[in-house]
C-alpha atoms as a PDB file:
ATOM      1  CA  MET A   1     -83.149-111.539  40.187  1.00  0.00           C
ATOM      2  CA  ASN A   2     -82.432-114.943  38.622  1.00  0.00           C
ATOM      3  CA  SER A   3     -79.709-116.439  40.604  1.00  0.00           C
ATOM      4  CA  ALA A   4     -77.777-117.916  37.296  1.00  0.00           C
ATOM      5  CA  TYR A   5     -77.407-114.166  36.524  1.00  0.00           C
ATOM      6  CA  ARG A   6     -74.240-112.892  37.048  1.00  0.00           C
ATOM      7  CA  PRO A   7     -73.191-109.626  35.620  1.00  0.00           C
ATOM      8  CA  ARG A   8     -70.134-109.542  33.406  1.00  0.00           C
ATOM      9  CA  ALA A   9     -67.115-107.467  34.684  1.00  0.00           C
ATOM     10  CA  ALA A  10     -65.638-105.116  32.660  1.00  0.00           C
ATOM     11  CA  SER A  11     -62.586-105.913  30.811  1.00  0.00           C
ATOM     12  CA  PRO A  12     -58.991-104.820  32.679  1.00  0.00           C
ATOM     13  CA  ALA A  13     -58.787-102.670  29.699  1.00  0.00           C
ATOM     14  CA  VAL A  14     -61.955-100.746  30.269  1.00  0.00           C
ATOM     15  CA  ARG A  15     -61.383-101.182  33.592  1.00  0.00           C
ATOM     16  CA  ALA A  16     -57.956 -99.008  33.200  1.00  0.00           C
ATOM     17  CA  ALA A  17     -59.608 -96.838  30.909  1.00  0.00           C
ATOM     18  CA  ILE A  18     -61.850 -95.946  33.505  1.00  0.00           C
ATOM     19  CA  ALA A  19     -59.114 -95.316  36.372  1.00  0.00           C
ATOM     20  CA  ILE A  20     -56.854 -93.144  33.619  1.00  0.00           C
ATOM     21  CA  ALA A  21     -60.565 -90.925  32.386  1.00  0.00           C
ATOM     22  CA  VAL A  22     -61.505 -90.419  36.913  1.00  0.00           C
ATOM     23  CA  THR A  23     -58.119 -89.764  37.288  1.00  0.00           C
ATOM     24  CA  VAL A  24     -57.387 -87.084  34.175  1.00  0.00           C
ATOM     25  CA  ALA A  25     -61.020 -85.795  35.747  1.00  0.00           C
ATOM     26  CA  ILE A  26     -60.153 -85.065  38.857  1.00  0.00           C
ATOM     27  CA  LEU A  27     -56.423 -83.632  37.835  1.00  0.00           C
ATOM     28  CA  ALA A  28     -58.458 -81.508  35.823  1.00  0.00           C
ATOM     29  CA  ALA A  29     -60.202 -80.150  38.354  1.00  0.00           C
ATOM     30  CA  VAL A  30     -57.949 -79.379  40.591  1.00  0.00           C
ATOM     31  CA  ILE A  31     -56.058 -77.482  38.176  1.00  0.00           C
ATOM     32  CA  ALA A  32     -59.213 -75.802  37.351  1.00  0.00           C
ATOM     33  CA  THR A  33     -59.421 -74.836  40.819  1.00  0.00           C
ATOM     34  CA  THR A  34     -56.169 -74.079  41.587  1.00  0.00           C
ATOM     35  CA  PRO A  35     -54.369 -73.193  38.691  1.00  0.00           C
ATOM     36  CA  GLY A  36     -51.201 -71.803  40.670  1.00  0.00           C
ATOM     37  CA  GLN A  37     -50.554 -75.091  41.038  1.00  0.00           C
ATOM     38  CA  ALA A  38     -50.848 -76.829  37.711  1.00  0.00           C
ATOM     39  CA  TYR A  39     -47.433 -77.177  37.306  1.00  0.00           C
ATOM     40  CA  LEU A  40     -47.108 -79.286  40.280  1.00  0.00           C
ATOM     41  CA  TRP A  41     -49.950 -81.555  39.506  1.00  0.00           C
ATOM     42  CA  ILE A  42     -48.920 -82.415  35.822  1.00  0.00           C
ATOM     43  CA  LYS A  43     -45.096 -83.069  37.397  1.00  0.00           C
ATOM     44  CA  SER A  44     -46.566 -84.936  39.773  1.00  0.00           C
ATOM     45  CA  LEU A  45     -48.877 -87.425  37.191  1.00  0.00           C
ATOM     46  CA  HIS A  46     -45.196 -87.386  35.156  1.00  0.00           C
ATOM     47  CA  VAL A  47     -43.559 -88.871  37.604  1.00  0.00           C
ATOM     48  CA  VAL A  48     -46.018 -91.545  38.402  1.00  0.00           C
ATOM     49  CA  ALA A  49     -46.367 -92.437  34.394  1.00  0.00           C
ATOM     50  CA  ILE A  50     -42.762 -92.917  34.728  1.00  0.00           C
ATOM     51  CA  ILE A  51     -42.560 -94.772  37.325  1.00  0.00           C
ATOM     52  CA  SER A  52     -45.318 -97.138  35.941  1.00  0.00           C
ATOM     53  CA  TRP A  53     -43.931 -97.239  32.665  1.00  0.00           C
ATOM     54  CA  MET A  54     -40.399 -98.157  33.874  1.00  0.00           C
ATOM     55  CA  ALA A  55     -41.972-101.024  36.495  1.00  0.00           C
ATOM     56  CA  GLY A  56     -43.462-102.115  33.048  1.00  0.00           C
ATOM     57  CA  MET A  57     -40.612-101.971  31.035  1.00  0.00           C
ATOM     58  CA  LEU A  58     -38.287-103.597  33.456  1.00  0.00           C
ATOM     59  CA  TYR A  59     -40.876-106.330  34.108  1.00  0.00           C
ATOM     60  CA  LEU A  60     -41.935-107.239  30.520  1.00  0.00           C
ATOM     61  CA  PRO A  61     -38.296-108.414  29.107  1.00  0.00           C
ATOM     62  CA  ARG A  62     -38.536-110.415  32.447  1.00  0.00           C
ATOM     63  CA  LEU A  63     -41.518-112.476  31.481  1.00  0.00           C
ATOM     64  CA  PHE A  64     -40.036-113.211  28.267  1.00  0.00           C
ATOM     65  CA  VAL A  65     -37.133-114.822  29.709  1.00  0.00           C
ATOM     66  CA  ASN A  66     -39.554-117.047  31.872  1.00  0.00           C
ATOM     67  CA  HIS A  67     -41.770-117.729  28.256  1.00  0.00           C
ATOM     68  CA  CYS A  68     -38.827-118.783  26.441  1.00  0.00           C
ATOM     69  CA  SER A  69     -38.489-121.371  29.210  1.00  0.00           C
ATOM     70  CA  VAL A  70     -41.780-123.317  28.621  1.00  0.00           C
ATOM     71  CA  ALA A  71     -43.667-125.126  25.872  1.00  0.00           C
ATOM     72  CA  VAL A  72     -45.475-123.709  22.912  1.00  0.00           C
ATOM     73  CA  GLY A  73     -49.063-124.155  23.631  1.00  0.00           C
ATOM     74  CA  SER A  74     -48.449-125.168  27.686  1.00  0.00           C
ATOM     75  CA  PRO A  75     -50.915-123.867  30.379  1.00  0.00           C
ATOM     76  CA  GLU A  76     -47.644-121.424  31.565  1.00  0.00           C
ATOM     77  CA  SER A  77     -47.215-120.300  28.069  1.00  0.00           C
ATOM     78  CA  VAL A  78     -51.169-119.106  27.897  1.00  0.00           C
ATOM     79  CA  LEU A  79     -50.913-117.763  31.254  1.00  0.00           C
ATOM     80  CA  LEU A  80     -47.369-116.027  30.289  1.00  0.00           C
ATOM     81  CA  LYS A  81     -49.491-114.326  27.161  1.00  0.00           C
ATOM     82  CA  GLY A  82     -51.928-113.354  29.043  1.00  0.00           C
ATOM     83  CA  MET A  83     -49.840-111.544  31.395  1.00  0.00           C
ATOM     84  CA  GLU A  84     -47.587-109.957  28.756  1.00  0.00           C
ATOM     85  CA  GLN A  85     -50.375-108.587  26.668  1.00  0.00           C
ATOM     86  CA  ARG A  86     -52.151-107.157  30.010  1.00  0.00           C
ATOM     87  CA  LEU A  87     -49.133-105.710  31.472  1.00  0.00           C
ATOM     88  CA  LEU A  88     -48.791-104.123  27.736  1.00  0.00           C
ATOM     89  CA  ARG A  89     -52.336-102.871  27.365  1.00  0.00           C
ATOM     90  CA  ILE A  90     -53.083-102.081  30.681  1.00  0.00           C
ATOM     91  CA  ILE A  91     -49.688-100.655  32.415  1.00  0.00           C
ATOM     92  CA  LEU A  92     -46.918 -99.751  29.601  1.00  0.00           C
ATOM     93  CA  ASN A  93     -49.249 -98.026  27.005  1.00  0.00           C
ATOM     94  CA  PRO A  94     -51.095 -95.700  29.072  1.00  0.00           C
ATOM     95  CA  ALA A  95     -48.241 -94.968  31.060  1.00  0.00           C
ATOM     96  CA  MET A  96     -46.064 -93.947  28.002  1.00  0.00           C
ATOM     97  CA  ILE A  97     -49.093 -91.856  26.664  1.00  0.00           C
ATOM     98  CA  ILE A  98     -49.135 -90.032  29.760  1.00  0.00           C
ATOM     99  CA  ALA A  99     -45.568 -89.464  30.566  1.00  0.00           C
ATOM    100  CA  TRP A 100     -45.015 -88.150  26.702  1.00  0.00           C
ATOM    101  CA  VAL A 101     -48.350 -85.430  26.817  1.00  0.00           C
ATOM    102  CA  THR A 102     -47.365 -84.140  30.560  1.00  0.00           C
ATOM    103  CA  GLY A 103     -43.606 -84.182  29.613  1.00  0.00           C
ATOM    104  CA  LEU A 104     -43.834 -82.258  26.277  1.00  0.00           C
ATOM    105  CA  TRP A 105     -46.324 -79.867  28.254  1.00  0.00           C
ATOM    106  CA  MET A 106     -43.685 -79.356  30.662  1.00  0.00           C
ATOM    107  CA  ALA A 107     -41.127 -78.985  28.122  1.00  0.00           C
ATOM    108  CA  TRP A 108     -43.000 -76.382  26.112  1.00  0.00           C
ATOM    109  CA  SER A 109     -44.393 -74.336  28.902  1.00  0.00           C
ATOM    110  CA  VAL A 110     -42.216 -74.368  31.541  1.00  0.00           C
ATOM    111  CA  PHE A 111     -38.586 -74.698  29.635  1.00  0.00           C
ATOM    112  CA  GLY A 112     -39.764 -73.755  26.207  1.00  0.00           C
ATOM    113  CA  PHE A 113     -37.713 -76.604  24.561  1.00  0.00           C
ATOM    114  CA  HIS A 114     -34.396 -74.918  25.114  1.00  0.00           C
ATOM    115  CA  GLY A 115     -31.418 -76.486  27.236  1.00  0.00           C
ATOM    116  CA  GLY A 116     -29.231 -79.282  26.264  1.00  0.00           C
ATOM    117  CA  TRP A 117     -30.132 -81.406  28.929  1.00  0.00           C
ATOM    118  CA  LEU A 118     -33.629 -81.356  27.652  1.00  0.00           C
ATOM    119  CA  HIS A 119     -32.526 -82.315  24.076  1.00  0.00           C
ATOM    120  CA  GLY A 120     -30.389 -85.152  25.761  1.00  0.00           C
ATOM    121  CA  LYS A 121     -33.588 -85.902  27.578  1.00  0.00           C
ATOM    122  CA  LEU A 122     -35.727 -86.419  24.722  1.00  0.00           C
ATOM    123  CA  ALA A 123     -33.458 -88.158  22.400  1.00  0.00           C
ATOM    124  CA  LEU A 124     -32.841 -91.248  25.270  1.00  0.00           C
ATOM    125  CA  VAL A 125     -36.753 -90.897  25.498  1.00  0.00           C
ATOM    126  CA  LEU A 126     -37.050 -91.603  22.097  1.00  0.00           C
ATOM    127  CA  VAL A 127     -35.165 -94.361  22.443  1.00  0.00           C
ATOM    128  CA  LEU A 128     -36.977 -95.798  25.260  1.00  0.00           C
ATOM    129  CA  SER A 129     -39.841 -95.430  23.329  1.00  0.00           C
ATOM    130  CA  GLY A 130     -38.762 -97.050  20.547  1.00  0.00           C
ATOM    131  CA  VAL A 131     -37.760-100.025  23.168  1.00  0.00           C
ATOM    132  CA  HIS A 132     -41.473-100.035  24.207  1.00  0.00           C
ATOM    133  CA  GLY A 133     -42.090-100.524  20.588  1.00  0.00           C
ATOM    134  CA  HIS A 134     -39.505-103.463  20.345  1.00  0.00           C
ATOM    135  CA  LEU A 135     -41.291-105.040  23.215  1.00  0.00           C
ATOM    136  CA  SER A 136     -45.133-104.400  21.993  1.00  0.00           C
ATOM    137  CA  ALA A 137     -43.817-105.745  18.916  1.00  0.00           C
ATOM    138  CA  SER A 138     -42.546-109.021  20.871  1.00  0.00           C
ATOM    139  CA  VAL A 139     -45.411-109.368  22.806  1.00  0.00           C
ATOM    140  CA  ARG A 140     -47.565-109.817  19.680  1.00  0.00           C
ATOM    141  CA  ALA A 141     -44.841-112.310  18.527  1.00  0.00           C
ATOM    142  CA  PHE A 142     -45.111-114.488  21.466  1.00  0.00           C
ATOM    143  CA  ALA A 143     -48.766-114.528  21.468  1.00  0.00           C
ATOM    144  CA  GLU A 144     -48.387-115.939  17.877  1.00  0.00           C
ATOM    145  CA  ASP A 145     -45.670-118.434  19.022  1.00  0.00           C
ATOM    146  CA  ARG A 146     -43.050-117.186  16.905  1.00  0.00           C
ATOM    147  CA  ASN A 147     -40.442-115.364  19.194  1.00  0.00           C
ATOM    148  CA  ARG A 148     -36.991-114.941  17.265  1.00  0.00           C
ATOM    149  CA  TYR A 149     -34.825-114.476  20.742  1.00  0.00           C
ATOM    150  CA  SER A 150     -33.251-116.562  23.261  1.00  0.00           C
ATOM    151  CA  GLU A 151     -33.648-116.378  26.809  1.00  0.00           C
ATOM    152  CA  ARG A 152     -30.117-114.787  27.017  1.00  0.00           C
ATOM    153  CA  THR A 153     -31.143-112.380  24.554  1.00  0.00           C
ATOM    154  CA  TRP A 154     -34.021-111.180  26.376  1.00  0.00           C
ATOM    155  CA  ARG A 155     -31.916-111.009  29.602  1.00  0.00           C
ATOM    156  CA  VAL A 156     -29.661-109.026  27.755  1.00  0.00           C
ATOM    157  CA  LEU A 157     -32.420-106.620  26.498  1.00  0.00           C
ATOM    158  CA  ASN A 158     -33.973-106.453  30.086  1.00  0.00           C
ATOM    159  CA  GLU A 159     -30.855-104.359  30.907  1.00  0.00           C
ATOM    160  CA  VAL A 160     -31.515-101.618  28.044  1.00  0.00           C
ATOM    161  CA  PRO A 161     -34.266 -99.400  30.129  1.00  0.00           C
ATOM    162  CA  ALA A 162     -32.579 -99.451  33.070  1.00  0.00           C
ATOM    163  CA  LEU A 163     -29.623 -97.995  31.563  1.00  0.00           C
ATOM    164  CA  LEU A 164     -32.132 -95.709  29.503  1.00  0.00           C
ATOM    165  CA  MET A 165     -33.213 -94.388  33.007  1.00  0.00           C
ATOM    166  CA  ILE A 166     -30.380 -93.825  34.168  1.00  0.00           C
ATOM    167  CA  GLY A 167     -28.948 -91.743  31.401  1.00  0.00           C
ATOM    168  CA  ILE A 168     -32.428 -89.763  31.833  1.00  0.00           C
ATOM    169  CA  VAL A 169     -32.469 -89.226  35.373  1.00  0.00           C
ATOM    170  CA  VAL A 170     -28.695 -87.805  35.437  1.00  0.00           C
ATOM    171  CA  LEU A 171     -29.658 -85.447  32.518  1.00  0.00           C
ATOM    172  CA  VAL A 172     -32.951 -84.204  34.214  1.00  0.00           C
ATOM    173  CA  ILE A 173     -31.422 -84.174  37.747  1.00  0.00           C
ATOM    174  CA  VAL A 174     -27.834 -82.835  37.094  1.00  0.00           C
ATOM    175  CA  LYS A 175     -28.175 -80.859  33.968  1.00  0.00           C
ATOM    176  CA  PRO A 176     -24.773 -81.151  32.737  1.00  0.00           C
ATOM    177  CA  PHE A 177     -25.190 -79.198  29.669  1.00  0.00           C
END
């Protein structure tokens, strides 16, 4: 083999897609072999997806705060653009999709979409998904050097996912109505 030849590594997005596919395949095999445990496996995957989604939702606005303080076109700006795009593509988007798919499966198969707490939770998750969409658009805006918000605004917006998370957790655990 030529010493100058180096195999090209798969992109982070491809590696993330492969990891998700392997995880889904393993989960499907486990569920197929132990169908009585399907709910627990789906619920576990849901919790992991929620943790990943929330971690990204709390971190991305923090990256925006840092991005506001660097010069357009600087090496730091280029680095932050890459970090923001990878966080969105590799963690946030797949985690949100998995959270929605597993959550809707549980809402339908376990709860039959009944319960005031469930409707409240779904409403807050819809709002959280809207925040996700806003953050996605903001990643594109930063990539094109057209951010519209100040560092202070991003600091305030950084708290929105945390507040939504608190509401969702209270509804799921306490089930107040």
